[in-house]
């Protein structure tokens, strides 16, 4: 959630009015779910690749 905090805090224009959608609870939940999904998908891909490499060596 660090990128969301940084987007809300940057200077240059009215951040609360322009970036109000990133601070809504439902959007933060969606971003959290997407982040967890990407992390789990990356772990799954690493596991599949590791098993594939072990089969080729055996």
PDB file of N, CA and C in Angstrom:
ATOM      1  N   UNK A   1       0.813  -1.194   0.000  1.00  0.00           N
ATOM      2  CA  UNK A   1       0.000   0.000   0.000  1.00  0.00           C
ATOM      3  C   UNK A   1       0.860   1.264   0.000  1.00  0.00           C
ATOM      4  N   UNK A   2       2.171   1.120   0.015  1.00  0.00           N
ATOM      5  CA  UNK A   2       3.049   2.274  -0.005  1.00  0.00           C
ATOM      6  C   UNK A   2       2.850   3.145  -1.245  1.00  0.00           C
ATOM      7  N   UNK A   3       2.721   2.570  -2.459  1.00  0.00           N
ATOM      8  CA  UNK A   3       2.501   3.437  -3.620  1.00  0.00           C
ATOM      9  C   UNK A   3       1.232   4.279  -3.500  1.00  0.00           C
ATOM     10  N   UNK A   4       0.191   3.748  -2.882  1.00  0.00           N
ATOM     11  CA  UNK A   4      -1.041   4.503  -2.706  1.00  0.00           C
ATOM     12  C   UNK A   4      -0.799   5.697  -1.803  1.00  0.00           C
ATOM     13  N   UNK A   5      -0.040   5.488  -0.723  1.00  0.00           N
ATOM     14  CA  UNK A   5       0.267   6.580   0.195  1.00  0.00           C
ATOM     15  C   UNK A   5       1.089   7.648  -0.506  1.00  0.00           C
ATOM     16  N   UNK A   6       2.031   7.230  -1.322  1.00  0.00           N
ATOM     17  CA  UNK A   6       2.854   8.186  -2.042  1.00  0.00           C
ATOM     18  C   UNK A   6       2.026   8.966  -3.054  1.00  0.00           C
ATOM     19  N   UNK A   7       1.078   8.317  -3.711  1.00  0.00           N
ATOM     20  CA  UNK A   7       0.233   9.007  -4.689  1.00  0.00           C
ATOM     21  C   UNK A   7      -0.650  10.045  -4.004  1.00  0.00           C
ATOM     22  N   UNK A   8      -1.065   9.765  -2.796  1.00  0.00           N
ATOM     23  CA  UNK A   8      -1.901  10.717  -2.078  1.00  0.00           C
ATOM     24  C   UNK A   8      -1.091  11.894  -1.545  1.00  0.00           C
ATOM     25  N   UNK A   9       0.218  11.715  -1.355  1.00  0.00           N
ATOM     26  CA  UNK A   9       1.013  12.728  -0.673  1.00  0.00           C
ATOM     27  C   UNK A   9       1.826  13.614  -1.611  1.00  0.00           C
ATOM     28  N   UNK A  10       1.812  13.367  -2.917  1.00  0.00           N
ATOM     29  CA  UNK A  10       2.679  14.153  -3.781  1.00  0.00           C
ATOM     30  C   UNK A  10       2.177  15.583  -3.957  1.00  0.00           C
ATOM     31  N   UNK A  11       3.095  16.449  -4.379  1.00  0.00           N
ATOM     32  CA  UNK A  11       2.765  17.861  -4.518  1.00  0.00           C
ATOM     33  C   UNK A  11       2.506  18.210  -5.979  1.00  0.00           C
ATOM     34  N   UNK A  12       2.025  19.410  -6.211  1.00  0.00           N
ATOM     35  CA  UNK A  12       1.848  19.867  -7.579  1.00  0.00           C
ATOM     36  C   UNK A  12       0.413  20.235  -7.891  1.00  0.00           C
ATOM     37  N   UNK A  13      -0.523  19.665  -7.223  1.00  0.00           N
ATOM     38  CA  UNK A  13      -1.934  20.008  -7.390  1.00  0.00           C
ATOM     39  C   UNK A  13      -2.705  19.516  -6.191  1.00  0.00           C
ATOM     40  N   UNK A  14      -3.990  19.731  -6.177  1.00  0.00           N
ATOM     41  CA  UNK A  14      -4.812  19.316  -5.040  1.00  0.00           C
ATOM     42  C   UNK A  14      -4.923  17.807  -4.961  1.00  0.00           C
ATOM     43  N   UNK A  15      -4.003  17.175  -4.271  1.00  0.00           N
ATOM     44  CA  UNK A  15      -3.970  15.714  -4.206  1.00  0.00           C
ATOM     45  C   UNK A  15      -5.259  15.100  -3.673  1.00  0.00           C
ATOM     46  N   UNK A  16      -5.859  15.622  -2.601  1.00  0.00           N
ATOM     47  CA  UNK A  16      -7.085  14.980  -2.121  1.00  0.00           C
ATOM     48  C   UNK A  16      -8.224  15.005  -3.137  1.00  0.00           C
ATOM     49  N   UNK A  17      -8.360  16.095  -3.897  1.00  0.00           N
ATOM     50  CA  UNK A  17      -9.452  16.149  -4.864  1.00  0.00           C
ATOM     51  C   UNK A  17      -9.158  15.316  -6.105  1.00  0.00           C
ATOM     52  N   UNK A  18      -7.899  15.279  -6.544  1.00  0.00           N
ATOM     53  CA  UNK A  18      -7.557  14.553  -7.762  1.00  0.00           C
ATOM     54  C   UNK A  18      -7.451  13.056  -7.506  1.00  0.00           C
ATOM     55  N   UNK A  19      -6.893  12.677  -6.360  1.00  0.00           N
ATOM     56  CA  UNK A  19      -6.645  11.268  -6.077  1.00  0.00           C
ATOM     57  C   UNK A  19      -7.571  10.709  -5.002  1.00  0.00           C
ATOM     58  N   UNK A  20      -8.745  11.235  -4.887  1.00  0.00           N
ATOM     59  CA  UNK A  20      -9.664  10.773  -3.851  1.00  0.00           C
ATOM     60  C   UNK A  20     -10.050   9.315  -4.062  1.00  0.00           C
ATOM     61  N   UNK A  21     -10.077   8.833  -5.307  1.00  0.00           N
ATOM     62  CA  UNK A  21     -10.480   7.457  -5.567  1.00  0.00           C
ATOM     63  C   UNK A  21      -9.498   6.443  -4.995  1.00  0.00           C
ATOM     64  N   UNK A  22      -8.204   6.796  -4.865  1.00  0.00           N
ATOM     65  CA  UNK A  22      -7.235   5.831  -4.329  1.00  0.00           C
ATOM     66  C   UNK A  22      -7.349   5.691  -2.821  1.00  0.00           C
ATOM     67  N   UNK A  23      -8.006   6.622  -2.157  1.00  0.00           N
ATOM     68  CA  UNK A  23      -8.131   6.547  -0.717  1.00  0.00           C
ATOM     69  C   UNK A  23      -9.412   5.898  -0.244  1.00  0.00           C
ATOM     70  N   UNK A  24     -10.299   5.531  -1.173  1.00  0.00           N
ATOM     71  CA  UNK A  24     -11.561   4.918  -0.759  1.00  0.00           C
ATOM     72  C   UNK A  24     -11.307   3.506  -0.251  1.00  0.00           C
ATOM     73  N   UNK A  25     -12.014   3.088   0.772  1.00  0.00           N
ATOM     74  CA  UNK A  25     -11.785   1.753   1.338  1.00  0.00           C
ATOM     75  C   UNK A  25     -11.987   0.630   0.325  1.00  0.00           C
ATOM     76  N   UNK A  26     -12.986   0.739  -0.533  1.00  0.00           N
ATOM     77  CA  UNK A  26     -13.220  -0.338  -1.497  1.00  0.00           C
ATOM     78  C   UNK A  26     -12.076  -0.441  -2.503  1.00  0.00           C
ATOM     79  N   UNK A  27     -11.518   0.693  -2.924  1.00  0.00           N
ATOM     80  CA  UNK A  27     -10.395   0.659  -3.856  1.00  0.00           C
ATOM     81  C   UNK A  27      -9.153   0.085  -3.185  1.00  0.00           C
ATOM     82  N   UNK A  28      -8.942   0.410  -1.920  1.00  0.00           N
ATOM     83  CA  UNK A  28      -7.804  -0.158  -1.198  1.00  0.00           C
ATOM     84  C   UNK A  28      -7.947  -1.674  -1.039  1.00  0.00           C
ATOM     85  N   UNK A  29      -9.163  -2.152  -0.835  1.00  0.00           N
ATOM     86  CA  UNK A  29      -9.397  -3.601  -0.746  1.00  0.00           C
ATOM     87  C   UNK A  29      -9.093  -4.254  -2.085  1.00  0.00           C
ATOM     88  N   UNK A  30      -9.552  -3.646  -3.163  1.00  0.00           N
ATOM     89  CA  UNK A  30      -9.284  -4.195  -4.495  1.00  0.00           C
ATOM     90  C   UNK A  30      -7.784  -4.216  -4.766  1.00  0.00           C
ATOM     91  N   UNK A  31      -7.088  -3.134  -4.447  1.00  0.00           N
ATOM     92  CA  UNK A  31      -5.639  -3.101  -4.645  1.00  0.00           C
ATOM     93  C   UNK A  31      -4.931  -4.160  -3.798  1.00  0.00           C
ATOM     94  N   UNK A  32      -5.411  -4.376  -2.579  1.00  0.00           N
ATOM     95  CA  UNK A  32      -4.831  -5.412  -1.729  1.00  0.00           C
ATOM     96  C   UNK A  32      -5.034  -6.802  -2.294  1.00  0.00           C
ATOM     97  N   UNK A  33      -6.223  -7.064  -2.802  1.00  0.00           N
ATOM     98  CA  UNK A  33      -6.516  -8.377  -3.397  1.00  0.00           C
ATOM     99  C   UNK A  33      -5.667  -8.599  -4.638  1.00  0.00           C
ATOM    100  N   UNK A  34      -5.536  -7.572  -5.473  1.00  0.00           N
ATOM    101  CA  UNK A  34      -4.704  -7.693  -6.668  1.00  0.00           C
ATOM    102  C   UNK A  34      -3.251  -7.939  -6.281  1.00  0.00           C
ATOM    103  N   UNK A  35      -2.759  -7.238  -5.267  1.00  0.00           N
ATOM    104  CA  UNK A  35      -1.379  -7.417  -4.820  1.00  0.00           C
ATOM    105  C   UNK A  35      -1.144  -8.835  -4.313  1.00  0.00           C
ATOM    106  N   UNK A  36      -2.069  -9.342  -3.508  1.00  0.00           N
ATOM    107  CA  UNK A  36      -1.931 -10.712  -3.020  1.00  0.00           C
ATOM    108  C   UNK A  36      -2.015 -11.724  -4.160  1.00  0.00           C
ATOM    109  N   UNK A  37      -2.875 -11.467  -5.128  1.00  0.00           N
ATOM    110  CA  UNK A  37      -3.002 -12.368  -6.273  1.00  0.00           C
ATOM    111  C   UNK A  37      -1.725 -12.420  -7.091  1.00  0.00           C
ATOM    112  N   UNK A  38      -1.125 -11.272  -7.338  1.00  0.00           N
ATOM    113  CA  UNK A  38       0.118 -11.234  -8.108  1.00  0.00           C
ATOM    114  C   UNK A  38       1.234 -11.931  -7.343  1.00  0.00           C
ATOM    115  N   UNK A  39       1.310 -11.704  -6.033  1.00  0.00           N
ATOM    116  CA  UNK A  39       2.352 -12.343  -5.228  1.00  0.00           C
ATOM    117  C   UNK A  39       2.184 -13.868  -5.215  1.00  0.00           C
ATOM    118  N   UNK A  40       0.953 -14.341  -5.082  1.00  0.00           N
ATOM    119  CA  UNK A  40       0.739 -15.789  -5.059  1.00  0.00           C
ATOM    120  C   UNK A  40       0.983 -16.399  -6.430  1.00  0.00           C
ATOM    121  N   UNK A  41       0.639 -15.675  -7.482  1.00  0.00           N
ATOM    122  CA  UNK A  41       0.895 -16.170  -8.829  1.00  0.00           C
ATOM    123  C   UNK A  41       2.394 -16.270  -9.088  1.00  0.00           C
ATOM    124  N   UNK A  42       3.160 -15.291  -8.631  1.00  0.00           N
ATOM    125  CA  UNK A  42       4.610 -15.339  -8.797  1.00  0.00           C
ATOM    126  C   UNK A  42       5.200 -16.531  -8.044  1.00  0.00           C
ATOM    127  N   UNK A  43       4.700 -16.783  -6.838  1.00  0.00           N
ATOM    128  CA  UNK A  43       5.172 -17.942  -6.080  1.00  0.00           C
ATOM    129  C   UNK A  43       4.832 -19.253  -6.763  1.00  0.00           C
ATOM    130  N   UNK A  44       3.648 -19.334  -7.342  1.00  0.00           N
ATOM    131  CA  UNK A  44       3.230 -20.543  -8.049  1.00  0.00           C
ATOM    132  C   UNK A  44       4.092 -20.782  -9.284  1.00  0.00           C
ATOM    133  N   UNK A  45       4.387 -19.727 -10.021  1.00  0.00           N
ATOM    134  CA  UNK A  45       5.244 -19.857 -11.200  1.00  0.00           C
ATOM    135  C   UNK A  45       6.636 -20.325 -10.800  1.00  0.00           C
ATOM    136  N   UNK A  46       7.177 -19.775  -9.716  1.00  0.00           N
ATOM    137  CA  UNK A  46       8.502 -20.205  -9.250  1.00  0.00           C
ATOM    138  C   UNK A  46       8.491 -21.685  -8.861  1.00  0.00           C
ATOM    139  N   UNK A  47       7.434 -22.123  -8.194  1.00  0.00           N
ATOM    140  CA  UNK A  47       7.332 -23.529  -7.803  1.00  0.00           C
ATOM    141  C   UNK A  47       7.265 -24.437  -9.023  1.00  0.00           C
ATOM    142  N   UNK A  48       6.482 -24.070 -10.010  1.00  0.00           N
ATOM    143  CA  UNK A  48       6.360 -24.875 -11.230  1.00  0.00           C
ATOM    144  C   UNK A  48       7.696 -24.939 -11.954  1.00  0.00           C
ATOM    145  N   UNK A  49       8.382 -23.802 -12.071  1.00  0.00           N
ATOM    146  CA  UNK A  49       9.680 -23.793 -12.750  1.00  0.00           C
ATOM    147  C   UNK A  49      10.708 -24.624 -12.001  1.00  0.00           C
ATOM    148  N   UNK A  50      10.700 -24.567 -10.671  1.00  0.00           N
ATOM    149  CA  UNK A  50      11.640 -25.359  -9.879  1.00  0.00           C
ATOM    150  C   UNK A  50      11.403 -26.849 -10.087  1.00  0.00           C
ATOM    151  N   UNK A  51      10.134 -27.255 -10.073  1.00  0.00           N
ATOM    152  CA  UNK A  51       9.820 -28.678 -10.287  1.00  0.00           C
ATOM    153  C   UNK A  51      10.206 -29.117 -11.701  1.00  0.00           C
ATOM    154  N   UNK A  52      10.004 -28.239 -12.662  1.00  0.00           N
ATOM    155  CA  UNK A  52      10.363 -28.561 -14.049  1.00  0.00           C
ATOM    156  C   UNK A  52      11.862 -28.757 -14.189  1.00  0.00           C
ATOM    157  N   UNK A  53      12.647 -27.893 -13.538  1.00  0.00           N
ATOM    158  CA  UNK A  53      14.101 -28.013 -13.583  1.00  0.00           C
ATOM    159  C   UNK A  53      14.574 -29.308 -12.918  1.00  0.00           C
ATOM    160  N   UNK A  54      13.949 -29.657 -11.780  1.00  0.00           N
ATOM    161  CA  UNK A  54      14.350 -30.887 -11.087  1.00  0.00           C
ATOM    162  C   UNK A  54      14.042 -32.123 -11.933  1.00  0.00           C
ATOM    163  N   UNK A  55      12.934 -32.111 -12.659  1.00  0.00           N
ATOM    164  CA  UNK A  55      12.600 -33.260 -13.535  1.00  0.00           C
ATOM    165  C   UNK A  55      13.594 -33.388 -14.668  1.00  0.00           C
ATOM    166  N   UNK A  56      14.061 -32.251 -15.216  1.00  0.00           N
ATOM    167  CA  UNK A  56      15.024 -32.323 -16.320  1.00  0.00           C
ATOM    168  C   UNK A  56      16.362 -32.851 -15.853  1.00  0.00           C
ATOM    169  N   UNK A  57      16.748 -32.555 -14.607  1.00  0.00           N
ATOM    170  CA  UNK A  57      18.032 -33.010 -14.089  1.00  0.00           C
ATOM    171  C   UNK A  57      18.017 -34.486 -13.750  1.00  0.00           C
ATOM    172  N   UNK A  58      16.886 -35.018 -13.394  1.00  0.00           N
ATOM    173  CA  UNK A  58      16.814 -36.423 -12.951  1.00  0.00           C
ATOM    174  C   UNK A  58      16.800 -37.394 -14.099  1.00  0.00           C
TER     175      UNK A  58
END
